[in-house]
Amino acid sequence: GLPVVRNSRVIAMSKREVQLSLDYVGSTNQL
């Protein structure tokens, strides 16, 4: 639901963590 997130892809998942590739617009501070 975040407007600054352009796309996200799950790279790996376990019972304890999710590794995510996150594409965003704007700056890291805005994210």
Full PDB file with SEQRES, HELIX, SHEET, SSBOND, CRYST1, ORIGX, SCALE, CONECT and MASTER records, all heavy atoms in Angstrom:
SEQRES   1 A   31  GLY LEU PRO VAL VAL ARG ASN SER ARG VAL ILE ALA MET          
SEQRES   2 A   31  SER LYS ARG GLU VAL GLN LEU SER LEU ASP TYR VAL GLY          
SEQRES   3 A   31  SER THR ASN GLN LEU                                          
SHEET    1 AA1 2 VAL A   5  MET A  13  0                                        
SHEET    2 AA1 2 VAL A  18  TYR A  24 -1                                        
CRYST1    1.000    1.000    1.000  90.00  90.00  90.00 P 1           1          
ORIGX1      1.000000  0.000000  0.000000        0.00000                         
ORIGX2      0.000000  1.000000  0.000000        0.00000                         
ORIGX3      0.000000  0.000000  1.000000        0.00000                         
SCALE1      1.000000  0.000000  0.000000        0.00000                         
SCALE2      0.000000  1.000000  0.000000        0.00000                         
SCALE3      0.000000  0.000000  1.000000        0.00000                         
ATOM      1  N   GLY A   1       0.781  -1.232   0.000  1.00  0.00           N  
ATOM      2  CA  GLY A   1       0.000   0.000   0.000  1.00  0.00           C  
ATOM      3  C   GLY A   1       0.812   1.281   0.000  1.00  0.00           C  
ATOM      4  O   GLY A   1       0.232   2.369  -0.053  1.00  0.00           O  
ATOM      5  N   LEU A   2       2.148   1.194   0.041  1.00  0.00           N  
ATOM      6  CA  LEU A   2       2.966   2.399   0.108  1.00  0.00           C  
ATOM      7  C   LEU A   2       3.210   2.975  -1.289  1.00  0.00           C  
ATOM      8  O   LEU A   2       3.672   2.269  -2.184  1.00  0.00           O  
ATOM      9  CB  LEU A   2       4.309   2.089   0.765  1.00  0.00           C  
ATOM     10  CG  LEU A   2       4.280   1.816   2.273  1.00  0.00           C  
ATOM     11  CD1 LEU A   2       5.675   1.465   2.765  1.00  0.00           C  
ATOM     12  CD2 LEU A   2       3.741   3.021   3.031  1.00  0.00           C  
ATOM     13  N   PRO A   3       2.943   4.272  -1.489  1.00  0.00           N  
ATOM     14  CA  PRO A   3       3.143   4.866  -2.821  1.00  0.00           C  
ATOM     15  C   PRO A   3       4.594   4.914  -3.259  1.00  0.00           C  
ATOM     16  O   PRO A   3       4.870   4.983  -4.455  1.00  0.00           O  
ATOM     17  CB  PRO A   3       2.563   6.283  -2.657  1.00  0.00           C  
ATOM     18  CG  PRO A   3       2.593   6.557  -1.188  1.00  0.00           C  
ATOM     19  CD  PRO A   3       2.367   5.229  -0.532  1.00  0.00           C  
ATOM     20  N   VAL A   4       5.542   4.878  -2.310  1.00  0.00           N  
ATOM     21  CA  VAL A   4       6.958   4.947  -2.691  1.00  0.00           C  
ATOM     22  C   VAL A   4       7.530   3.590  -3.062  1.00  0.00           C  
ATOM     23  O   VAL A   4       8.649   3.506  -3.564  1.00  0.00           O  
ATOM     24  CB  VAL A   4       7.808   5.570  -1.555  1.00  0.00           C  
ATOM     25  CG1 VAL A   4       7.406   7.000  -1.300  1.00  0.00           C  
ATOM     26  CG2 VAL A   4       7.714   4.740  -0.285  1.00  0.00           C  
ATOM     27  N   VAL A   5       6.796   2.530  -2.815  1.00  0.00           N  
ATOM     28  CA  VAL A   5       7.261   1.185  -3.170  1.00  0.00           C  
ATOM     29  C   VAL A   5       6.777   0.853  -4.570  1.00  0.00           C  
ATOM     30  O   VAL A   5       5.579   0.723  -4.815  1.00  0.00           O  
ATOM     31  CB  VAL A   5       6.770   0.128  -2.156  1.00  0.00           C  
ATOM     32  CG1 VAL A   5       7.132  -1.275  -2.629  1.00  0.00           C  
ATOM     33  CG2 VAL A   5       7.381   0.393  -0.783  1.00  0.00           C  
ATOM     34  N   ARG A   6       7.720   0.735  -5.489  1.00  0.00           N  
ATOM     35  CA  ARG A   6       7.361   0.446  -6.879  1.00  0.00           C  
ATOM     36  C   ARG A   6       7.115  -1.049  -7.089  1.00  0.00           C  
ATOM     37  O   ARG A   6       6.203  -1.457  -7.796  1.00  0.00           O  
ATOM     38  CB  ARG A   6       8.483   0.928  -7.812  1.00  0.00           C  
ATOM     39  CG  ARG A   6       8.111   0.933  -9.274  1.00  0.00           C  
ATOM     40  CD  ARG A   6       9.340   1.155 -10.146  1.00  0.00           C  
ATOM     41  NE  ARG A   6      10.035   2.388  -9.836  1.00  0.00           N  
ATOM     42  CZ  ARG A   6       9.749   3.558 -10.406  1.00  0.00           C  
ATOM     43  NH1 ARG A   6       8.758   3.648 -11.273  1.00  0.00           N  
ATOM     44  NH2 ARG A   6      10.450   4.632 -10.099  1.00  0.00           N  
ATOM     45  N   ASN A   7       7.949  -1.865  -6.449  1.00  0.00           N  
ATOM     46  CA  ASN A   7       7.822  -3.313  -6.628  1.00  0.00           C  
ATOM     47  C   ASN A   7       8.571  -4.006  -5.497  1.00  0.00           C  
ATOM     48  O   ASN A   7       9.518  -3.457  -4.930  1.00  0.00           O  
ATOM     49  CB  ASN A   7       8.408  -3.738  -7.980  1.00  0.00           C  
ATOM     50  CG  ASN A   7       8.091  -5.173  -8.314  1.00  0.00           C  
ATOM     51  OD1 ASN A   7       7.073  -5.706  -7.883  1.00  0.00           O  
ATOM     52  ND2 ASN A   7       8.963  -5.824  -9.066  1.00  0.00           N  
ATOM     53  N   SER A   8       8.134  -5.201  -5.167  1.00  0.00           N  
ATOM     54  CA  SER A   8       8.851  -6.006  -4.173  1.00  0.00           C  
ATOM     55  C   SER A   8       8.791  -7.472  -4.586  1.00  0.00           C  
ATOM     56  O   SER A   8       7.768  -7.940  -5.089  1.00  0.00           O  
ATOM     57  CB  SER A   8       8.240  -5.819  -2.774  1.00  0.00           C  
ATOM     58  OG  SER A   8       6.893  -6.268  -2.745  1.00  0.00           O  
ATOM     59  N   ARG A   9       9.913  -8.175  -4.370  1.00  0.00           N  
ATOM     60  CA  ARG A   9      10.001  -9.582  -4.761  1.00  0.00           C  
ATOM     61  C   ARG A   9      10.636 -10.374  -3.627  1.00  0.00           C  
ATOM     62  O   ARG A   9      11.689  -9.977  -3.090  1.00  0.00           O  
ATOM     63  CB  ARG A   9      10.850  -9.735  -6.028  1.00  0.00           C  
ATOM     64  CG  ARG A   9      10.318  -9.010  -7.243  1.00  0.00           C  
ATOM     65  CD  ARG A   9      11.236  -9.171  -8.444  1.00  0.00           C  
ATOM     66  NE  ARG A   9      12.567  -8.619  -8.205  1.00  0.00           N  
ATOM     67  CZ  ARG A   9      12.865  -7.337  -8.287  1.00  0.00           C  
ATOM     68  NH1 ARG A   9      11.912  -6.452  -8.571  1.00  0.00           N  
ATOM     69  NH2 ARG A   9      14.092  -6.926  -8.056  1.00  0.00           N  
ATOM     70  N   VAL A  10      10.011 -11.469  -3.272  1.00  0.00           N  
ATOM     71  CA  VAL A  10      10.571 -12.346  -2.242  1.00  0.00           C  
ATOM     72  C   VAL A  10      11.692 -13.159  -2.857  1.00  0.00           C  
ATOM     73  O   VAL A  10      11.490 -13.889  -3.828  1.00  0.00           O  
ATOM     74  CB  VAL A  10       9.489 -13.265  -1.654  1.00  0.00           C  
ATOM     75  CG1 VAL A  10      10.113 -14.275  -0.680  1.00  0.00           C  
ATOM     76  CG2 VAL A  10       8.408 -12.455  -0.944  1.00  0.00           C  
ATOM     77  N   ILE A  11      12.884 -13.019  -2.292  1.00  0.00           N  
ATOM     78  CA  ILE A  11      14.049 -13.758  -2.777  1.00  0.00           C  
ATOM     79  C   ILE A  11      14.183 -15.088  -2.041  1.00  0.00           C  
ATOM     80  O   ILE A  11      14.510 -16.116  -2.636  1.00  0.00           O  
ATOM     81  CB  ILE A  11      15.332 -12.922  -2.597  1.00  0.00           C  
ATOM     82  CG1 ILE A  11      15.180 -11.576  -3.304  1.00  0.00           C  
ATOM     83  CG2 ILE A  11      16.544 -13.671  -3.129  1.00  0.00           C  
ATOM     84  CD1 ILE A  11      14.898 -11.669  -4.778  1.00  0.00           C  
ATOM     85  N   ALA A  12      13.952 -15.048  -0.728  1.00  0.00           N  
ATOM     86  CA  ALA A  12      14.035 -16.268   0.076  1.00  0.00           C  
ATOM     87  C   ALA A  12      13.143 -16.098   1.300  1.00  0.00           C  
ATOM     88  O   ALA A  12      12.913 -14.991   1.778  1.00  0.00           O  
ATOM     89  CB  ALA A  12      15.478 -16.542   0.493  1.00  0.00           C  
ATOM     90  N   MET A  13      12.642 -17.228   1.799  1.00  0.00           N  
ATOM     91  CA  MET A  13      11.755 -17.180   2.962  1.00  0.00           C  
ATOM     92  C   MET A  13      11.999 -18.410   3.830  1.00  0.00           C  
ATOM     93  O   MET A  13      12.168 -19.519   3.329  1.00  0.00           O  
ATOM     94  CB  MET A  13      10.289 -17.131   2.542  1.00  0.00           C  
ATOM     95  CG  MET A  13       9.305 -17.113   3.713  1.00  0.00           C  
ATOM     96  SD  MET A  13       7.570 -17.136   3.185  1.00  0.00           S  
ATOM     97  CE  MET A  13       7.421 -15.494   2.464  1.00  0.00           C  
ATOM     98  N   SER A  14      12.033 -18.182   5.135  1.00  0.00           N  
ATOM     99  CA  SER A  14      12.114 -19.275   6.094  1.00  0.00           C  
ATOM    100  C   SER A  14      11.120 -18.983   7.213  1.00  0.00           C  
ATOM    101  O   SER A  14      10.375 -18.004   7.159  1.00  0.00           O  
ATOM    102  CB  SER A  14      13.542 -19.390   6.663  1.00  0.00           C  
ATOM    103  OG  SER A  14      13.830 -18.300   7.523  1.00  0.00           O  
ATOM    104  N   LYS A  15      11.105 -19.823   8.224  1.00  0.00           N  
ATOM    105  CA  LYS A  15      10.206 -19.614   9.348  1.00  0.00           C  
ATOM    106  C   LYS A  15      10.610 -18.400  10.185  1.00  0.00           C  
ATOM    107  O   LYS A  15       9.812 -17.899  10.973  1.00  0.00           O  
ATOM    108  CB  LYS A  15      10.176 -20.853  10.246  1.00  0.00           C  
ATOM    109  CG  LYS A  15       9.587 -22.082   9.576  1.00  0.00           C  
ATOM    110  CD  LYS A  15       9.605 -23.271  10.529  1.00  0.00           C  
ATOM    111  CE  LYS A  15       8.999 -24.502   9.872  1.00  0.00           C  
ATOM    112  NZ  LYS A  15       9.029 -25.679  10.782  1.00  0.00           N  
ATOM    113  N   ARG A  16      11.840 -17.922   9.998  1.00  0.00           N  
ATOM    114  CA  ARG A  16      12.351 -16.858  10.855  1.00  0.00           C  
ATOM    115  C   ARG A  16      12.605 -15.545  10.128  1.00  0.00           C  
ATOM    116  O   ARG A  16      12.747 -14.508  10.765  1.00  0.00           O  
ATOM    117  CB  ARG A  16      13.659 -17.315  11.525  1.00  0.00           C  
ATOM    118  CG  ARG A  16      13.507 -18.570  12.370  1.00  0.00           C  
ATOM    119  CD  ARG A  16      14.847 -19.039  12.891  1.00  0.00           C  
ATOM    120  NE  ARG A  16      15.442 -18.080  13.822  1.00  0.00           N  
ATOM    121  CZ  ARG A  16      16.669 -18.201  14.317  1.00  0.00           C  
ATOM    122  NH1 ARG A  16      17.431 -19.223  13.951  1.00  0.00           N  
ATOM    123  NH2 ARG A  16      17.132 -17.312  15.161  1.00  0.00           N  
ATOM    124  N   GLU A  17      12.659 -15.574   8.787  1.00  0.00           N  
ATOM    125  CA  GLU A  17      12.961 -14.337   8.077  1.00  0.00           C  
ATOM    126  C   GLU A  17      12.490 -14.399   6.637  1.00  0.00           C  
ATOM    127  O   GLU A  17      12.285 -15.477   6.066  1.00  0.00           O  
ATOM    128  CB  GLU A  17      14.463 -14.038   8.110  1.00  0.00           C  
ATOM    129  CG  GLU A  17      15.267 -15.004   7.266  1.00  0.00           C  
ATOM    130  CD  GLU A  17      16.757 -14.722   7.292  1.00  0.00           C  
ATOM    131  OE1 GLU A  17      17.220 -14.096   8.263  1.00  0.00           O  
ATOM    132  OE2 GLU A  17      17.450 -15.142   6.356  1.00  0.00           O  
ATOM    133  N   VAL A  18      12.310 -13.215   6.074  1.00  0.00           N  
ATOM    134  CA  VAL A  18      12.017 -13.051   4.650  1.00  0.00           C  
ATOM    135  C   VAL A  18      13.090 -12.154   4.064  1.00  0.00           C  
ATOM    136  O   VAL A  18      13.416 -11.101   4.621  1.00  0.00           O  
ATOM    137  CB  VAL A  18      10.634 -12.420   4.429  1.00  0.00           C  
ATOM    138  CG1 VAL A  18      10.396 -12.148   2.939  1.00  0.00           C  
ATOM    139  CG2 VAL A  18       9.530 -13.315   4.978  1.00  0.00           C  
ATOM    140  N   GLN A  19      13.665 -12.601   2.946  1.00  0.00           N  
ATOM    141  CA  GLN A  19      14.623 -11.765   2.221  1.00  0.00           C  
ATOM    142  C   GLN A  19      13.891 -11.180   1.024  1.00  0.00           C  
ATOM    143  O   GLN A  19      13.311 -11.899   0.207  1.00  0.00           O  
ATOM    144  CB  GLN A  19      15.829 -12.580   1.768  1.00  0.00           C  
ATOM    145  CG  GLN A  19      16.908 -11.746   1.093  1.00  0.00           C  
ATOM    146  CD  GLN A  19      18.112 -12.583   0.682  1.00  0.00           C  
ATOM    147  OE1 GLN A  19      18.178 -13.774   0.976  1.00  0.00           O  
ATOM    148  NE2 GLN A  19      19.060 -11.965  -0.017  1.00  0.00           N  
ATOM    149  N   LEU A  20      13.903  -9.833   0.936  1.00  0.00           N  
ATOM    150  CA  LEU A  20      13.051  -9.139  -0.022  1.00  0.00           C  
ATOM    151  C   LEU A  20      13.874  -8.170  -0.860  1.00  0.00           C  
ATOM    152  O   LEU A  20      14.727  -7.441  -0.344  1.00  0.00           O  
ATOM    153  CB  LEU A  20      11.971  -8.369   0.741  1.00  0.00           C  
ATOM    154  CG  LEU A  20      10.789  -7.812  -0.041  1.00  0.00           C  
ATOM    155  CD1 LEU A  20       9.891  -8.949  -0.516  1.00  0.00           C  
ATOM    156  CD2 LEU A  20      10.001  -6.845   0.839  1.00  0.00           C  
ATOM    157  N   SER A  21      13.615  -8.177  -2.171  1.00  0.00           N  
ATOM    158  CA  SER A  21      14.176  -7.169  -3.056  1.00  0.00           C  
ATOM    159  C   SER A  21      13.126  -6.070  -3.218  1.00  0.00           C  
ATOM    160  O   SER A  21      12.016  -6.328  -3.688  1.00  0.00           O  
ATOM    161  CB  SER A  21      14.525  -7.768  -4.413  1.00  0.00           C  
ATOM    162  OG  SER A  21      14.975  -6.770  -5.314  1.00  0.00           O  
ATOM    163  N   LEU A  22      13.489  -4.845  -2.828  1.00  0.00           N  
ATOM    164  CA  LEU A  22      12.514  -3.754  -2.756  1.00  0.00           C  
ATOM    165  C   LEU A  22      12.917  -2.625  -3.703  1.00  0.00           C  
ATOM    166  O   LEU A  22      13.984  -2.021  -3.552  1.00  0.00           O  
ATOM    167  CB  LEU A  22      12.450  -3.229  -1.315  1.00  0.00           C  
ATOM    168  CG  LEU A  22      11.297  -2.320  -0.933  1.00  0.00           C  
ATOM    169  CD1 LEU A  22       9.984  -3.086  -0.964  1.00  0.00           C  
ATOM    170  CD2 LEU A  22      11.521  -1.745   0.464  1.00  0.00           C  
ATOM    171  N   ASP A  23      12.088  -2.356  -4.719  1.00  0.00           N  
ATOM    172  CA  ASP A  23      12.291  -1.216  -5.615  1.00  0.00           C  
ATOM    173  C   ASP A  23      11.474  -0.043  -5.097  1.00  0.00           C  
ATOM    174  O   ASP A  23      10.276  -0.192  -4.806  1.00  0.00           O  
ATOM    175  CB  ASP A  23      11.848  -1.554  -7.034  1.00  0.00           C  
ATOM    176  CG  ASP A  23      12.675  -2.675  -7.648  1.00  0.00           C  
ATOM    177  OD1 ASP A  23      13.871  -2.783  -7.298  1.00  0.00           O  
ATOM    178  OD2 ASP A  23      12.124  -3.444  -8.457  1.00  0.00           O  
ATOM    179  N   TYR A  24      12.080   1.129  -5.004  1.00  0.00           N  
ATOM    180  CA  TYR A  24      11.378   2.290  -4.455  1.00  0.00           C  
ATOM    181  C   TYR A  24      11.662   3.529  -5.297  1.00  0.00           C  
ATOM    182  O   TYR A  24      12.639   3.587  -6.053  1.00  0.00           O  
ATOM    183  CB  TYR A  24      11.805   2.542  -3.002  1.00  0.00           C  
ATOM    184  CG  TYR A  24      13.269   2.890  -2.828  1.00  0.00           C  
ATOM    185  CD1 TYR A  24      13.692   4.221  -2.790  1.00  0.00           C  
ATOM    186  CD2 TYR A  24      14.234   1.893  -2.718  1.00  0.00           C  
ATOM    187  CE1 TYR A  24      15.035   4.536  -2.654  1.00  0.00           C  
ATOM    188  CE2 TYR A  24      15.575   2.204  -2.579  1.00  0.00           C  
ATOM    189  CZ  TYR A  24      15.976   3.530  -2.543  1.00  0.00           C  
ATOM    190  OH  TYR A  24      17.298   3.839  -2.409  1.00  0.00           O  
ATOM    191  N   VAL A  25      10.798   4.533  -5.171  1.00  0.00           N  
ATOM    192  CA  VAL A  25      10.995   5.834  -5.812  1.00  0.00           C  
ATOM    193  C   VAL A  25      11.310   6.856  -4.727  1.00  0.00           C  
ATOM    194  O   VAL A  25      10.978   6.669  -3.557  1.00  0.00           O  
ATOM    195  CB  VAL A  25       9.757   6.269  -6.616  1.00  0.00           C  
ATOM    196  CG1 VAL A  25       9.514   5.341  -7.777  1.00  0.00           C  
ATOM    197  CG2 VAL A  25       8.524   6.337  -5.728  1.00  0.00           C  
ATOM    198  N   GLY A  26      11.957   7.957  -5.135  1.00  0.00           N  
ATOM    199  CA  GLY A  26      12.341   8.961  -4.160  1.00  0.00           C  
ATOM    200  C   GLY A  26      13.651   8.584  -3.486  1.00  0.00           C  
ATOM    201  O   GLY A  26      14.488   7.891  -4.049  1.00  0.00           O  
ATOM    202  N   SER A  27      13.815   9.063  -2.248  1.00  0.00           N  
ATOM    203  CA  SER A  27      15.051   8.820  -1.503  1.00  0.00           C  
ATOM    204  C   SER A  27      14.853   7.733  -0.454  1.00  0.00           C  
ATOM    205  O   SER A  27      13.727   7.365  -0.118  1.00  0.00           O  
ATOM    206  CB  SER A  27      15.500  10.109  -0.807  1.00  0.00           C  
ATOM    207  OG  SER A  27      14.569  10.472   0.211  1.00  0.00           O  
ATOM    208  N   THR A  28      15.977   7.247   0.067  1.00  0.00           N  
ATOM    209  CA  THR A  28      15.904   6.262   1.148  1.00  0.00           C  
ATOM    210  C   THR A  28      15.228   6.857   2.381  1.00  0.00           C  
ATOM    211  O   THR A  28      14.477   6.169   3.080  1.00  0.00           O  
ATOM    212  CB  THR A  28      17.318   5.773   1.523  1.00  0.00           C  
ATOM    213  OG1 THR A  28      17.983   5.306   0.351  1.00  0.00           O  
ATOM    214  CG2 THR A  28      17.247   4.646   2.535  1.00  0.00           C  
ATOM    215  N   ASN A  29      15.485   8.154   2.643  1.00  0.00           N  
ATOM    216  CA  ASN A  29      14.832   8.807   3.787  1.00  0.00           C  
ATOM    217  C   ASN A  29      13.324   8.834   3.624  1.00  0.00           C  
ATOM    218  O   ASN A  29      12.576   8.656   4.599  1.00  0.00           O  
ATOM    219  CB  ASN A  29      15.364  10.236   3.955  1.00  0.00           C  
ATOM    220  CG  ASN A  29      16.772  10.271   4.528  1.00  0.00           C  
ATOM    221  OD1 ASN A  29      17.226   9.292   5.133  1.00  0.00           O  
ATOM    222  ND2 ASN A  29      17.472  11.378   4.330  1.00  0.00           N  
ATOM    223  N   GLN A  30      12.839   9.071   2.397  1.00  0.00           N  
ATOM    224  CA  GLN A  30      11.392   9.066   2.159  1.00  0.00           C  
ATOM    225  C   GLN A  30      10.817   7.671   2.347  1.00  0.00           C  
ATOM    226  O   GLN A  30       9.711   7.514   2.872  1.00  0.00           O  
ATOM    227  CB  GLN A  30      11.090   9.593   0.760  1.00  0.00           C  
ATOM    228  CG  GLN A  30      11.300  11.093   0.628  1.00  0.00           C  
ATOM    229  CD  GLN A  30      11.014  11.587  -0.777  1.00  0.00           C  
ATOM    230  OE1 GLN A  30      11.388  10.949  -1.769  1.00  0.00           O  
ATOM    231  NE2 GLN A  30      10.348  12.726  -0.882  1.00  0.00           N  
ATOM    232  N   LEU A  31      11.557   6.659   1.914  1.00  0.00           N  
ATOM    233  CA  LEU A  31      11.125   5.286   2.140  1.00  0.00           C  
ATOM    234  C   LEU A  31      11.045   5.005   3.636  1.00  0.00           C  
ATOM    235  O   LEU A  31      10.087   4.387   4.120  1.00  0.00           O  
ATOM    236  CB  LEU A  31      12.087   4.314   1.463  1.00  0.00           C  
ATOM    237  CG  LEU A  31      11.850   2.820   1.709  1.00  0.00           C  
ATOM    238  CD1 LEU A  31      10.481   2.397   1.191  1.00  0.00           C  
ATOM    239  CD2 LEU A  31      12.952   1.981   1.066  1.00  0.00           C  
TER     240      LEU A  31                                                      
MASTER        0    0    0    0    2    0    0    6  239    1    0    3          
END                                                                             
